[in-house]
Protein backbone atom coordinates (compact mmCIF):
# COMPACT_ATOMS: atom_id res chain seq x y z
CA MET A 1 -7.39 0.81 53.27
CA SER A 2 -6.47 -2.34 51.37
CA TYR A 3 -7.53 -3.96 48.14
CA SER A 4 -7.93 -7.50 46.88
CA VAL A 5 -5.88 -8.83 43.98
CA GLY A 6 -8.97 -8.72 41.77
CA GLN A 7 -9.62 -5.07 42.59
CA VAL A 8 -6.01 -4.12 41.89
CA ALA A 9 -6.06 -6.00 38.61
CA ASP A 10 -9.13 -3.97 37.59
CA PHE A 11 -7.56 -0.69 38.71
CA ALA A 12 -4.30 -1.26 36.86
CA GLY A 13 -5.58 -3.03 33.76
CA VAL A 14 -3.43 -6.10 34.35
CA THR A 15 -4.31 -9.72 34.97
CA VAL A 16 -4.47 -11.42 38.33
CA ARG A 17 -1.90 -13.84 37.00
CA THR A 18 0.51 -10.93 36.40
CA LEU A 19 0.12 -9.75 39.99
CA HIS A 20 0.72 -13.27 41.27
CA HIS A 21 3.89 -13.42 39.18
CA TYR A 22 5.13 -10.08 40.51
CA ASP A 23 4.56 -11.41 44.02
CA ASP A 24 6.35 -14.69 43.30
CA ILE A 25 9.51 -12.93 42.02
CA GLY A 26 9.46 -10.34 44.81
CA LEU A 27 8.79 -7.39 42.53
CA LEU A 28 5.47 -6.46 44.14
CA VAL A 29 4.78 -8.26 47.40
CA PRO A 30 1.44 -7.13 48.85
CA GLY A 31 1.73 -5.53 52.28
CA GLY A 32 -0.98 -7.59 53.88
CA ARG A 33 -3.06 -10.75 53.91
CA SER A 34 -6.64 -11.38 54.76
CA HIS A 35 -7.65 -13.79 57.55
CA ALA A 36 -8.07 -16.39 54.85
CA GLY A 37 -4.54 -15.76 53.56
CA HIS A 38 -5.54 -13.80 50.44
CA ARG A 39 -3.36 -10.97 49.18
CA ARG A 40 -4.28 -7.44 50.24
CA TYR A 41 -2.66 -4.41 48.62
CA SER A 42 -2.12 -1.07 50.34
CA ASP A 43 -1.99 2.40 48.80
CA GLU A 44 1.82 2.18 48.93
CA ASP A 45 1.65 -1.10 46.99
CA LEU A 46 -0.47 0.63 44.36
CA ASP A 47 2.10 3.43 44.06
CA ARG A 48 4.83 0.83 43.52
CA LEU A 49 2.69 -0.98 40.94
CA GLN A 50 2.19 2.29 39.09
CA ARG A 51 5.96 2.79 38.87
CA ILE A 52 6.43 -0.83 37.76
CA LEU A 53 3.91 -0.43 34.98
CA PHE A 54 5.51 2.84 33.93
CA TYR A 55 8.89 1.20 33.47
CA ARG A 56 7.32 -1.81 31.78
CA GLU A 57 5.56 0.48 29.32
CA LEU A 58 8.95 1.93 28.48
CA GLY A 59 10.21 -1.56 27.78
CA PHE A 60 12.34 -2.21 30.84
CA PRO A 61 12.79 -5.91 31.67
CA LEU A 62 11.56 -6.98 35.11
CA ASP A 63 15.03 -7.40 36.61
CA GLU A 64 15.91 -3.82 35.67
CA VAL A 65 12.61 -2.58 37.08
CA ALA A 66 13.42 -4.29 40.37
CA ALA A 67 16.88 -2.71 40.40
CA LEU A 68 15.49 0.74 39.75
CA LEU A 69 12.93 0.42 42.52
CA ASP A 70 15.03 -1.31 45.15
CA ASP A 71 18.70 -0.47 44.55
CA PRO A 72 19.53 2.86 46.20
CA ASP A 73 22.67 3.11 44.07
CA ALA A 74 20.89 2.54 40.75
CA ASP A 75 21.30 5.44 38.34
CA GLN A 76 17.71 5.99 37.36
CA ARG A 77 18.61 8.93 35.10
CA ALA A 78 21.04 6.78 33.11
CA HIS A 79 18.43 4.04 32.75
CA LEU A 80 15.81 6.50 31.63
CA ARG A 81 18.21 8.21 29.23
CA ARG A 82 19.05 4.89 27.57
CA GLN A 83 15.40 3.93 27.36
CA HIS A 84 14.55 7.34 25.92
CA GLU A 85 17.01 6.69 23.11
CA LEU A 86 15.40 3.32 22.43
CA LEU A 87 11.92 4.82 22.49
CA THR A 88 12.95 7.61 20.13
CA ALA A 89 14.29 5.04 17.67
CA ARG A 90 11.10 3.01 18.01
CA ILE A 91 8.94 6.09 17.41
CA GLU A 92 10.89 6.92 14.26
CA LYS A 93 10.52 3.35 13.00
CA LEU A 94 6.78 3.41 13.68
CA ARG A 95 6.49 6.79 11.97
CA LYS A 96 8.11 5.38 8.84
CA MET A 97 5.86 2.33 8.99
CA ALA A 98 2.80 4.55 9.31
CA ALA A 99 3.94 6.63 6.32
CA ALA A 100 4.42 3.46 4.27
CA VAL A 101 0.92 2.27 5.18
CA GLU A 102 -0.54 5.65 4.25
CA GLN A 103 1.21 5.51 0.88
CA ALA A 104 -0.13 2.01 0.30
CA MET A 105 -3.64 3.16 1.22
CA GLU A 106 -3.39 6.12 -1.15
CA ALA A 107 -2.05 3.92 -3.93
CA ARG A 108 -4.96 1.54 -3.45
CA ARG A 109 -7.48 4.40 -3.35
CA MET A 110 -6.07 5.94 -6.51
CA GLY A 111 -5.52 2.69 -8.36
CA ILE A 112 -7.53 -0.24 -9.59
CA ASN A 113 -9.64 -0.84 -6.53
CA LEU A 114 -10.79 -4.39 -7.24
CA THR A 115 -10.59 -7.59 -5.26
CA PRO A 116 -8.35 -10.36 -6.70
CA GLU A 117 -11.48 -12.21 -7.83
CA GLU A 118 -12.85 -9.12 -9.58
CA ARG A 119 -9.49 -8.47 -11.25
CA PHE A 120 -9.46 -11.96 -12.69
CA GLU A 121 -13.06 -11.54 -13.85
CA VAL A 122 -12.20 -8.30 -15.66
CA PHE A 123 -8.65 -8.85 -16.89
CA GLY A 124 -8.24 -12.63 -16.91
CA ASP A 125 -4.64 -13.64 -16.28
CA LYS A 126 -3.30 -10.18 -17.25
CA ASP A 127 -2.06 -8.08 -14.35
CA PRO A 128 -3.35 -4.50 -14.79
CA GLU A 129 -0.73 -3.17 -12.37
CA GLN A 130 2.22 -5.10 -13.76
CA TYR A 131 4.00 -1.92 -14.82
CA ALA A 132 2.37 0.46 -12.33
CA GLU A 133 5.57 1.25 -10.45
CA GLU A 134 7.50 1.84 -13.67
CA ALA A 135 4.73 4.08 -15.00
CA GLU A 136 4.80 6.17 -11.84
CA GLN A 137 8.59 6.53 -12.05
CA ARG A 138 8.44 7.61 -15.70
CA TRP A 139 5.34 9.79 -15.71
CA GLY A 140 4.37 10.29 -12.07
CA GLY A 141 4.99 14.03 -12.21
CA THR A 142 2.85 14.67 -15.27
CA GLU A 143 -0.70 15.96 -15.37
CA ALA A 144 -1.67 13.07 -17.66
CA TYR A 145 -0.60 10.55 -15.02
CA ALA A 146 -2.44 12.43 -12.28
CA GLU A 147 -5.58 12.59 -14.41
CA SER A 148 -5.45 8.87 -15.15
CA GLN A 149 -5.19 8.15 -11.43
CA ARG A 150 -8.13 10.44 -10.63
CA ARG A 151 -10.31 8.74 -13.22
CA ALA A 152 -9.26 5.22 -12.23
CA ALA A 153 -10.14 5.96 -8.62
CA ARG A 154 -13.78 6.48 -9.63
CA TYR A 155 -14.20 3.37 -11.77
CA THR A 156 -16.35 0.50 -10.59
CA LYS A 157 -15.96 -3.12 -11.60
CA GLU A 158 -18.57 -2.55 -14.33
CA ASP A 159 -16.60 0.42 -15.65
CA TRP A 160 -13.45 -1.71 -15.88
CA LYS A 161 -15.40 -4.46 -17.65
CA ARG A 162 -16.68 -1.98 -20.26
CA LEU A 163 -13.19 -0.53 -20.70
CA GLN A 164 -11.67 -3.98 -21.16
CA ALA A 165 -14.41 -5.07 -23.53
CA GLU A 166 -13.77 -2.04 -25.73
CA ALA A 167 -10.04 -2.75 -25.72
CA ASP A 168 -10.54 -6.42 -26.58
CA ASP A 169 -12.95 -5.59 -29.38
CA TRP A 170 -10.52 -3.05 -30.88
CA SER A 171 -7.66 -5.54 -30.60
CA GLU A 172 -9.61 -8.26 -32.42
CA ARG A 173 -10.60 -5.91 -35.22
CA TYR A 174 -7.11 -4.50 -35.65
CA THR A 175 -5.61 -7.99 -35.68
CA ALA A 176 -8.07 -8.97 -38.42
CA LEU A 177 -7.16 -5.81 -40.35
CA VAL A 178 -3.45 -6.64 -40.26
CA ALA A 179 -4.12 -10.28 -41.17
CA ALA A 180 -6.10 -9.06 -44.20
CA ARG A 181 -3.00 -7.08 -45.29
CA GLU A 182 -4.69 -3.71 -45.10
CA PRO A 183 -2.02 -0.99 -45.51
CA ALA A 184 -1.01 0.90 -42.36
CA THR A 185 -1.50 4.19 -44.19
CA GLY A 186 -4.93 3.22 -45.49
CA GLN A 187 -8.22 4.71 -44.34
CA ALA A 188 -9.26 1.68 -42.26
CA ALA A 189 -5.98 1.45 -40.34
CA MET A 190 -5.82 5.19 -39.67
CA ASP A 191 -9.42 5.18 -38.47
CA MET A 192 -8.59 2.43 -36.01
CA ALA A 193 -5.50 4.31 -34.85
CA GLU A 194 -7.77 7.29 -34.18
CA GLU A 195 -10.15 4.99 -32.30
CA HIS A 196 -7.18 3.88 -30.16
CA ARG A 197 -6.32 7.50 -29.34
CA GLN A 198 -9.91 8.32 -28.44
CA HIS A 199 -10.21 5.22 -26.24
CA VAL A 200 -7.25 6.32 -24.10
CA SER A 201 -8.54 9.90 -24.03
CA ARG A 202 -12.00 8.78 -22.95
CA TRP A 203 -10.91 6.41 -20.20
CA PHE A 204 -7.58 7.72 -18.88
CA PHE A 205 -6.32 11.13 -20.04
CA GLU A 206 -6.45 13.41 -23.06
CA VAL A 207 -4.03 12.23 -25.74
CA PRO A 208 -3.01 14.90 -28.27
CA TYR A 209 -1.53 13.68 -31.54
CA GLU A 210 2.02 14.48 -30.53
CA MET A 211 1.63 12.22 -27.49
CA HIS A 212 0.06 9.55 -29.67
CA ARG A 213 3.21 9.64 -31.81
CA CYS A 214 5.23 8.97 -28.65
CA PHE A 215 3.01 5.97 -27.93
CA ALA A 216 3.68 4.70 -31.45
CA GLU A 217 7.43 4.91 -30.98
CA MET A 218 7.21 3.15 -27.63
CA TYR A 219 5.23 0.28 -29.16
CA VAL A 220 8.17 -0.63 -31.40
CA SER A 221 11.12 0.47 -29.24
CA ASP A 222 10.02 -1.24 -26.02
CA GLU A 223 10.42 -4.98 -26.51
CA ARG A 224 7.60 -5.72 -24.08
CA PHE A 225 5.03 -3.74 -26.08
CA LYS A 226 6.36 -5.05 -29.37
CA ALA A 227 6.15 -8.65 -28.17
CA TYR A 228 2.62 -8.08 -26.83
CA TYR A 229 1.29 -6.77 -30.15
CA ASP A 230 3.27 -9.11 -32.39
CA ALA A 231 1.93 -12.08 -30.41
CA LYS A 232 -1.51 -11.20 -31.79
CA CYS A 233 -0.26 -11.10 -35.36
CA PRO A 234 3.33 -10.98 -36.64
CA GLY A 235 4.25 -7.43 -37.62
CA LEU A 236 1.28 -5.86 -35.83
CA ALA A 237 3.42 -3.56 -33.64
CA GLU A 238 5.15 -1.99 -36.65
CA HIS A 239 1.86 -1.77 -38.55
CA LEU A 240 0.15 0.02 -35.64
CA HIS A 241 3.14 2.33 -35.27
CA ASP A 242 2.86 3.39 -38.91
CA ALA A 243 -0.92 3.76 -38.72
CA MET A 244 -0.70 5.99 -35.63
CA LEU A 245 1.89 8.24 -37.30
CA ALA A 246 -0.16 8.43 -40.50
CA ASN A 247 -3.31 9.25 -38.52
CA ALA A 248 -1.54 12.04 -36.60
CA ALA A 249 -0.16 13.47 -39.83
CA ARG A 250 -3.57 13.57 -41.55
CA HIS A 251 -5.22 15.31 -38.60
CA GLU A 252 -2.45 17.80 -38.06
CA GLY A 253 -1.69 18.39 -41.74
């Protein structure tokens, strides 16, 4: 029983060109020829091809495969042992890569799941995930952080647009309030501080007054937040800080 090069290529899942190359380098020389001079492979040739493909799958170069198959003094156990070490290292590397991809997929699922075009449409040139890694490092183990991630995972583009519109509207009104020199401890400022607390509670996680006090301190102690608010109106960060503390005091007192 013999087989043509095309049949063998189909059996083994390799190309005819590969079989021609193996023949040219003496790695797999077919045992027969047809009357027309075409290659014919025997069952023994197929057995040899199976061993070749086994070693190739393990990553052996062709010259080492030839040595393993043809050199009676070749230490096949040593070759296999070395290749096993390489394969084990490769498996571990692939496992770590797979874990990294899974983490990235989970982060995407639990985060702001918008295309770049949709992000720009909603947030403009502001990056909503600019401090995402820092936030996870600081609060990743808290229930508030987990709740914010669960809620964010459900939001559509329209949800994010409504959220951002609310935030922009509040920001414009608070900036106008500060520009009009309304006192931070006055009714209007405290009401807007309460509106800020309720906005975060509604969209991300429940914010008790003690937590809102922590927000207030962060807005003046973290230069990034302070610069963000003061860019809207000089002194706004300190004004909002005082309004949030006054609002918490009136509700708790």
